[in-house]
Protein backbone atom coordinates (compact mmCIF):
# COMPACT_ATOMS: atom_id res chain seq x y z
CA MET A 1 20.32 -30.52 40.34
CA THR A 2 17.70 -29.98 37.66
CA LYS A 3 18.10 -30.81 34.03
CA TYR A 4 19.17 -28.21 31.53
CA GLY A 5 15.90 -27.68 29.64
CA ASN A 6 12.78 -25.61 30.07
CA ASN A 7 14.33 -23.33 32.67
CA ALA A 8 17.13 -22.43 30.30
CA GLN A 9 14.70 -21.76 27.45
CA ALA A 10 12.70 -19.39 29.65
CA GLY A 11 15.91 -17.64 30.64
CA PHE A 12 16.99 -17.20 27.04
CA ALA A 13 13.54 -15.86 26.17
CA MET A 14 13.80 -13.32 28.98
CA ILE A 15 17.18 -12.19 27.63
CA VAL A 16 15.70 -11.73 24.15
CA VAL A 17 12.78 -9.71 25.56
CA ALA A 18 15.17 -7.52 27.56
CA ALA A 19 17.31 -6.92 24.48
CA SER A 20 14.31 -5.94 22.37
CA LEU A 21 13.09 -3.54 25.05
CA ALA A 22 16.57 -2.01 25.21
CA ALA A 23 16.51 -1.56 21.42
CA VAL A 24 13.14 0.18 21.63
CA GLY A 25 14.49 2.42 24.39
CA LEU A 26 17.53 3.39 22.33
CA LEU A 27 15.30 4.15 19.35
CA ALA A 28 13.10 6.34 21.56
CA LEU A 29 16.17 8.21 22.76
CA ALA A 30 17.37 8.72 19.19
CA ILE A 31 14.13 10.31 17.94
CA GLY A 32 12.71 11.44 21.28
CA GLU A 33 13.16 15.16 20.68
CA ASP A 34 11.26 15.11 17.41
CA VAL A 35 7.83 13.93 18.54
CA LEU A 36 6.42 14.44 15.04
CA PHE A 37 9.13 12.36 13.32
CA SER A 38 6.79 10.02 11.47
CA ASP A 39 4.34 12.83 10.71
CA ASN A 40 7.11 14.88 9.11
CA MET A 41 8.23 11.87 7.06
CA GLN A 42 4.68 11.32 5.79
CA ARG A 43 4.22 14.99 4.92
CA ASP A 44 7.51 15.02 2.98
CA ASN A 45 6.54 11.89 1.06
CA THR A 46 3.09 13.29 0.27
CA ALA A 47 4.60 16.55 -0.96
CA HIS A 48 7.02 14.62 -3.18
CA PHE A 49 4.18 12.54 -4.63
CA ASN A 50 2.10 15.65 -5.35
CA GLU A 51 5.11 17.28 -7.07
CA CYS A 52 5.54 14.20 -9.22
CA LYS A 53 1.83 14.15 -10.02
CA GLU A 54 1.98 17.77 -11.22
CA ASN A 55 4.90 16.86 -13.51
CA ASP A 56 3.17 13.71 -14.87
CA PHE A 57 5.68 11.50 -13.00
CA LYS A 58 8.45 12.35 -15.49
CA ALA A 59 10.79 14.26 -13.17
CA ASP A 60 13.85 12.67 -11.58
CA GLY A 61 12.99 10.55 -8.56
CA CYS A 62 9.44 9.85 -9.68
CA GLU A 63 10.29 6.49 -11.20
CA LYS A 64 9.38 4.74 -7.96
CA TYR A 65 5.71 5.53 -8.57
CA TRP A 66 5.57 4.13 -12.11
CA ASP A 67 4.54 0.64 -11.02
CA ARG A 68 1.63 2.07 -8.99
CA ILE A 69 0.00 4.30 -11.61
CA ASN A 70 -1.87 3.63 -14.86
CA ASN A 71 -4.40 1.26 -13.33
CA GLU A 72 -8.01 1.46 -12.21
CA ILE A 73 -7.21 1.31 -8.51
CA SER A 74 -4.97 4.38 -8.50
CA GLY A 75 -7.15 6.31 -10.92
CA ILE A 76 -4.03 8.01 -12.33
CA PHE A 77 -3.38 7.49 -16.02
CA VAL A 78 -0.21 9.01 -17.48
CA ASP A 79 1.58 8.35 -20.77
CA LEU A 80 5.12 7.56 -19.62
CA ASP A 81 6.55 6.99 -23.12
CA GLU A 82 6.83 10.68 -24.02
């Protein structure tokens, strides 16, 4: 009889791989009908950002962008104190 060692570790690794593949399969089944799921999410987020930009980031829900504006990299400078 062989020692409990490398063979067991390989077996456990195979179980982990099978479980992760099953999780990916379940995720694919959950969003499988909507093939543009991520595209729709990105479009919604872009539309929300553009709405906030038109309102100078002062509307409700636009607070999450405050740490990313008013710097040279973003190129968006807004006075948030008013």
